[in-house]
Amino acid sequence: MNKSLLIQLTVIGIALGVMVIPQATHADLESQHAKVVPSTLVYNGHLTICKIDKSSYEVVKKIKMVVTAYSSSENQTDDTPFITASNKHVRDGIIANNLLAFGTKVRFPELYGDKVFTVEDRMHPRKGNNHADIWFSEYEQAKNFGSKVTNIEVLEN
């Protein structure tokens, strides 16, 4: 088979595929909070026909915790102040906690409403499990946050 015929057949195959593939796939969802948002994405070479919008998570547990704050300074962390215990670079929305697994999503509704935080760091063991530390980019912000007791919502993953 010559090269130009192979190219023509490939183009025809792609064109037929585009006409046959639906724009969105509908499915029965277990969660009433998830919704299907029709979109077409290509990620790492894989075509995704629809995307689940997880902007509203289901709360699986509520825990009362002491919440404090920290920043990326060596007196508050170790000798790699911008790298978390899960080996991620610090960013807004990261918290440290010893109870929950890395990657766990949580909210502090009384403090931050619907903003979602992710557990990516750990604290000194003396802090125990019912303590969370929110990362701030500036030392003064962390210091001004102080210490609060509040309920956190652990979200589905």
C-alpha atoms as a PDB file:
ATOM      1  CA  MET A   1       0.000   0.000   0.000  1.00  0.00           C
ATOM      2  CA  ASN A   2       1.478   3.338  -0.965  1.00  0.00           C
ATOM      3  CA  LYS A   3       1.910   6.155   1.523  1.00  0.00           C
ATOM      4  CA  SER A   4      -0.655   8.584   0.014  1.00  0.00           C
ATOM      5  CA  LEU A   5      -3.402   5.927   0.028  1.00  0.00           C
ATOM      6  CA  LEU A   6      -2.631   5.153   3.679  1.00  0.00           C
ATOM      7  CA  ILE A   7      -2.880   8.858   4.559  1.00  0.00           C
ATOM      8  CA  GLN A   8      -6.201   9.175   2.704  1.00  0.00           C
ATOM      9  CA  LEU A   9      -7.651   6.151   4.524  1.00  0.00           C
ATOM     10  CA  THR A  10      -6.485   7.537   7.874  1.00  0.00           C
ATOM     11  CA  VAL A  11      -8.165  10.906   7.186  1.00  0.00           C
ATOM     12  CA  ILE A  12     -11.396   9.182   6.137  1.00  0.00           C
ATOM     13  CA  GLY A  13     -11.310   7.030   9.286  1.00  0.00           C
ATOM     14  CA  ILE A  14     -10.856  10.082  11.506  1.00  0.00           C
ATOM     15  CA  ALA A  15     -13.681  11.932   9.731  1.00  0.00           C
ATOM     16  CA  LEU A  16     -16.036   8.962  10.152  1.00  0.00           C
ATOM     17  CA  GLY A  17     -15.027   8.622  13.815  1.00  0.00           C
ATOM     18  CA  VAL A  18     -15.853  12.263  14.489  1.00  0.00           C
ATOM     19  CA  MET A  19     -19.327  11.847  12.964  1.00  0.00           C
ATOM     20  CA  VAL A  20     -20.074   8.673  14.951  1.00  0.00           C
ATOM     21  CA  ILE A  21     -18.691   9.628  18.404  1.00  0.00           C
ATOM     22  CA  PRO A  22     -21.375  11.326  20.525  1.00  0.00           C
ATOM     23  CA  GLN A  23     -20.675  14.774  21.961  1.00  0.00           C
ATOM     24  CA  ALA A  24     -21.594  13.699  25.497  1.00  0.00           C
ATOM     25  CA  THR A  25     -22.232  10.465  27.275  1.00  0.00           C
ATOM     26  CA  HIS A  26     -24.987  10.347  29.864  1.00  0.00           C
ATOM     27  CA  ALA A  27     -24.862   7.914  32.773  1.00  0.00           C
ATOM     28  CA  ASP A  28     -26.744   7.282  35.964  1.00  0.00           C
ATOM     29  CA  LEU A  29     -24.646   8.944  38.636  1.00  0.00           C
ATOM     30  CA  GLU A  30     -24.606   7.666  42.214  1.00  0.00           C
ATOM     31  CA  SER A  31     -24.118  11.150  43.634  1.00  0.00           C
ATOM     32  CA  GLN A  32     -26.836  13.744  43.194  1.00  0.00           C
ATOM     33  CA  HIS A  33     -24.137  16.427  43.456  1.00  0.00           C
ATOM     34  CA  ALA A  34     -22.060  15.408  40.449  1.00  0.00           C
ATOM     35  CA  LYS A  35     -23.229  16.659  37.092  1.00  0.00           C
ATOM     36  CA  VAL A  36     -22.184  15.880  33.552  1.00  0.00           C
ATOM     37  CA  VAL A  37     -20.694  18.818  31.725  1.00  0.00           C
ATOM     38  CA  PRO A  38     -20.380  17.980  28.014  1.00  0.00           C
ATOM     39  CA  SER A  39     -16.882  18.672  26.795  1.00  0.00           C
ATOM     40  CA  THR A  40     -14.199  17.014  24.739  1.00  0.00           C
ATOM     41  CA  LEU A  41     -10.714  16.841  26.185  1.00  0.00           C
ATOM     42  CA  VAL A  42      -7.473  15.257  25.086  1.00  0.00           C
ATOM     43  CA  TYR A  43      -5.176  14.469  28.012  1.00  0.00           C
ATOM     44  CA  ASN A  44      -1.990  12.428  27.651  1.00  0.00           C
ATOM     45  CA  GLY A  45      -3.171  11.249  24.236  1.00  0.00           C
ATOM     46  CA  HIS A  46      -6.527   9.953  25.518  1.00  0.00           C
ATOM     47  CA  LEU A  47      -9.831  11.333  24.285  1.00  0.00           C
ATOM     48  CA  THR A  48     -12.389  12.106  26.985  1.00  0.00           C
ATOM     49  CA  ILE A  49     -15.918  12.576  25.719  1.00  0.00           C
ATOM     50  CA  CYS A  50     -17.436  13.929  28.929  1.00  0.00           C
ATOM     51  CA  LYS A  51     -16.189  15.348  32.172  1.00  0.00           C
ATOM     52  CA  ILE A  52     -17.670  14.965  35.646  1.00  0.00           C
ATOM     53  CA  ASP A  53     -17.884  18.313  37.414  1.00  0.00           C
ATOM     54  CA  LYS A  54     -16.812  17.691  41.026  1.00  0.00           C
ATOM     55  CA  SER A  55     -17.109  21.296  42.154  1.00  0.00           C
ATOM     56  CA  SER A  56     -19.579  20.123  44.763  1.00  0.00           C
ATOM     57  CA  TYR A  57     -18.242  17.225  46.811  1.00  0.00           C
ATOM     58  CA  GLU A  58     -20.142  14.964  49.157  1.00  0.00           C
ATOM     59  CA  VAL A  59     -19.208  15.302  52.839  1.00  0.00           C
ATOM     60  CA  VAL A  60     -18.237  11.905  54.249  1.00  0.00           C
ATOM     61  CA  LYS A  61     -17.213  12.971  57.773  1.00  0.00           C
ATOM     62  CA  LYS A  62     -17.103  16.014  60.063  1.00  0.00           C
ATOM     63  CA  ILE A  63     -14.296  16.368  62.605  1.00  0.00           C
ATOM     64  CA  LYS A  64     -13.708  19.070  65.223  1.00  0.00           C
ATOM     65  CA  MET A  65     -10.085  20.255  64.968  1.00  0.00           C
ATOM     66  CA  VAL A  66      -7.659  22.868  66.155  1.00  0.00           C
ATOM     67  CA  VAL A  67      -6.600  24.828  63.080  1.00  0.00           C
ATOM     68  CA  THR A  68      -3.403  26.861  62.908  1.00  0.00           C
ATOM     69  CA  ALA A  69      -1.260  28.185  60.079  1.00  0.00           C
ATOM     70  CA  TYR A  70       2.313  27.946  58.834  1.00  0.00           C
ATOM     71  CA  SER A  71       4.478  29.426  56.106  1.00  0.00           C
ATOM     72  CA  SER A  72       7.572  28.294  54.201  1.00  0.00           C
ATOM     73  CA  SER A  73      10.209  29.404  56.646  1.00  0.00           C
ATOM     74  CA  GLU A  74      12.850  27.064  58.069  1.00  0.00           C
ATOM     75  CA  ASN A  75      11.881  27.911  61.641  1.00  0.00           C
ATOM     76  CA  GLN A  76       8.379  26.523  60.922  1.00  0.00           C
ATOM     77  CA  THR A  77       9.356  23.624  58.643  1.00  0.00           C
ATOM     78  CA  ASP A  78      12.469  21.607  57.856  1.00  0.00           C
ATOM     79  CA  ASP A  79      15.390  22.394  55.540  1.00  0.00           C
ATOM     80  CA  THR A  80      13.133  22.101  52.448  1.00  0.00           C
ATOM     81  CA  PRO A  81      10.455  24.650  53.347  1.00  0.00           C
ATOM     82  CA  PHE A  82       8.789  24.718  49.898  1.00  0.00           C
ATOM     83  CA  ILE A  83       8.374  20.917  49.564  1.00  0.00           C
ATOM     84  CA  THR A  84       5.616  19.107  51.471  1.00  0.00           C
ATOM     85  CA  ALA A  85       5.847  15.695  53.114  1.00  0.00           C
ATOM     86  CA  SER A  86       4.066  14.271  50.051  1.00  0.00           C
ATOM     87  CA  ASN A  87       6.878  15.725  47.900  1.00  0.00           C
ATOM     88  CA  LYS A  88       4.641  18.405  46.337  1.00  0.00           C
ATOM     89  CA  HIS A  89       5.529  22.087  46.007  1.00  0.00           C
ATOM     90  CA  VAL A  90       3.562  24.285  48.438  1.00  0.00           C
ATOM     91  CA  ARG A  91       0.633  26.271  47.048  1.00  0.00           C
ATOM     92  CA  ASP A  92      -2.586  27.895  48.188  1.00  0.00           C
ATOM     93  CA  GLY A  93      -5.014  25.285  49.498  1.00  0.00           C
ATOM     94  CA  ILE A  94      -2.469  22.909  51.059  1.00  0.00           C
ATOM     95  CA  ILE A  95      -2.852  21.767  54.650  1.00  0.00           C
ATOM     96  CA  ALA A  96      -0.817  19.612  57.002  1.00  0.00           C
ATOM     97  CA  ASN A  97      -2.558  16.937  59.074  1.00  0.00           C
ATOM     98  CA  ASN A  98      -1.471  13.647  60.649  1.00  0.00           C
ATOM     99  CA  LEU A  99      -4.839  11.840  60.575  1.00  0.00           C
ATOM    100  CA  LEU A 100      -5.920  12.036  56.932  1.00  0.00           C
ATOM    101  CA  ALA A 101      -4.201  10.469  53.914  1.00  0.00           C
ATOM    102  CA  PHE A 102      -2.314  12.576  51.392  1.00  0.00           C
ATOM    103  CA  GLY A 103      -4.682  13.837  48.719  1.00  0.00           C
ATOM    104  CA  THR A 104      -7.707  13.959  51.035  1.00  0.00           C
ATOM    105  CA  LYS A 105      -9.946  16.935  50.232  1.00  0.00           C
ATOM    106  CA  VAL A 106     -11.396  18.943  53.130  1.00  0.00           C
ATOM    107  CA  ARG A 107     -13.301  22.164  53.747  1.00  0.00           C
ATOM    108  CA  PHE A 108     -13.375  24.572  56.684  1.00  0.00           C
ATOM    109  CA  PRO A 109     -16.941  25.897  56.152  1.00  0.00           C
ATOM    110  CA  GLU A 110     -16.972  28.223  59.185  1.00  0.00           C
ATOM    111  CA  LEU A 111     -13.690  29.815  58.084  1.00  0.00           C
ATOM    112  CA  TYR A 112     -13.526  29.511  54.277  1.00  0.00           C
ATOM    113  CA  GLY A 113     -16.991  28.495  53.051  1.00  0.00           C
ATOM    114  CA  ASP A 114     -16.799  26.123  50.068  1.00  0.00           C
ATOM    115  CA  LYS A 115     -13.047  26.475  49.440  1.00  0.00           C
ATOM    116  CA  VAL A 116     -11.492  23.011  49.118  1.00  0.00           C
ATOM    117  CA  PHE A 117      -8.119  22.241  50.716  1.00  0.00           C
ATOM    118  CA  THR A 118      -5.912  19.188  50.128  1.00  0.00           C
ATOM    119  CA  VAL A 119      -3.859  17.301  52.720  1.00  0.00           C
ATOM    120  CA  GLU A 120      -0.308  17.270  51.317  1.00  0.00           C
ATOM    121  CA  ASP A 121       1.841  17.800  54.416  1.00  0.00           C
ATOM    122  CA  ARG A 122       2.364  16.424  57.918  1.00  0.00           C
ATOM    123  CA  MET A 123       2.878  18.022  61.312  1.00  0.00           C
ATOM    124  CA  HIS A 124       5.160  17.153  64.204  1.00  0.00           C
ATOM    125  CA  PRO A 125       3.723  14.048  65.954  1.00  0.00           C
ATOM    126  CA  ARG A 126       3.252  16.004  69.206  1.00  0.00           C
ATOM    127  CA  LYS A 127       0.411  17.904  67.468  1.00  0.00           C
ATOM    128  CA  GLY A 128      -1.655  14.710  67.282  1.00  0.00           C
ATOM    129  CA  ASN A 129      -4.340  13.844  64.761  1.00  0.00           C
ATOM    130  CA  ASN A 130      -7.027  16.460  65.441  1.00  0.00           C
ATOM    131  CA  HIS A 131      -4.933  19.416  64.376  1.00  0.00           C
ATOM    132  CA  ALA A 132      -4.680  20.955  60.915  1.00  0.00           C
ATOM    133  CA  ASP A 133      -2.161  23.521  59.708  1.00  0.00           C
ATOM    134  CA  ILE A 134      -3.050  25.729  56.712  1.00  0.00           C
ATOM    135  CA  TRP A 135      -0.160  26.868  54.510  1.00  0.00           C
ATOM    136  CA  PHE A 136       0.196  30.617  53.823  1.00  0.00           C
ATOM    137  CA  SER A 137       2.700  32.208  51.472  1.00  0.00           C
ATOM    138  CA  GLU A 138       3.642  34.941  53.964  1.00  0.00           C
ATOM    139  CA  TYR A 139       4.775  34.507  57.578  1.00  0.00           C
ATOM    140  CA  GLU A 140       2.672  37.493  58.728  1.00  0.00           C
ATOM    141  CA  GLN A 141      -0.493  35.948  57.259  1.00  0.00           C
ATOM    142  CA  ALA A 142       0.169  32.699  59.120  1.00  0.00           C
ATOM    143  CA  LYS A 143       0.913  34.539  62.349  1.00  0.00           C
ATOM    144  CA  ASN A 144      -2.239  36.673  62.044  1.00  0.00           C
ATOM    145  CA  PHE A 145      -4.382  33.571  61.449  1.00  0.00           C
ATOM    146  CA  GLY A 146      -3.676  32.439  64.998  1.00  0.00           C
ATOM    147  CA  SER A 147      -5.366  29.337  66.374  1.00  0.00           C
ATOM    148  CA  LYS A 148      -9.011  28.387  65.947  1.00  0.00           C
ATOM    149  CA  VAL A 149     -11.210  25.442  66.867  1.00  0.00           C
ATOM    150  CA  THR A 150     -13.607  24.534  64.081  1.00  0.00           C
ATOM    151  CA  ASN A 151     -15.289  21.645  62.309  1.00  0.00           C
ATOM    152  CA  ILE A 152     -13.728  20.387  59.120  1.00  0.00           C
ATOM    153  CA  GLU A 153     -15.615  18.494  56.445  1.00  0.00           C
ATOM    154  CA  VAL A 154     -13.803  15.509  54.932  1.00  0.00           C
ATOM    155  CA  LEU A 155     -14.902  15.170  51.311  1.00  0.00           C
ATOM    156  CA  GLU A 156     -15.279  12.195  49.005  1.00  0.00           C
ATOM    157  CA  ASN A 157     -12.176  11.459  46.965  1.00  0.00           C
END
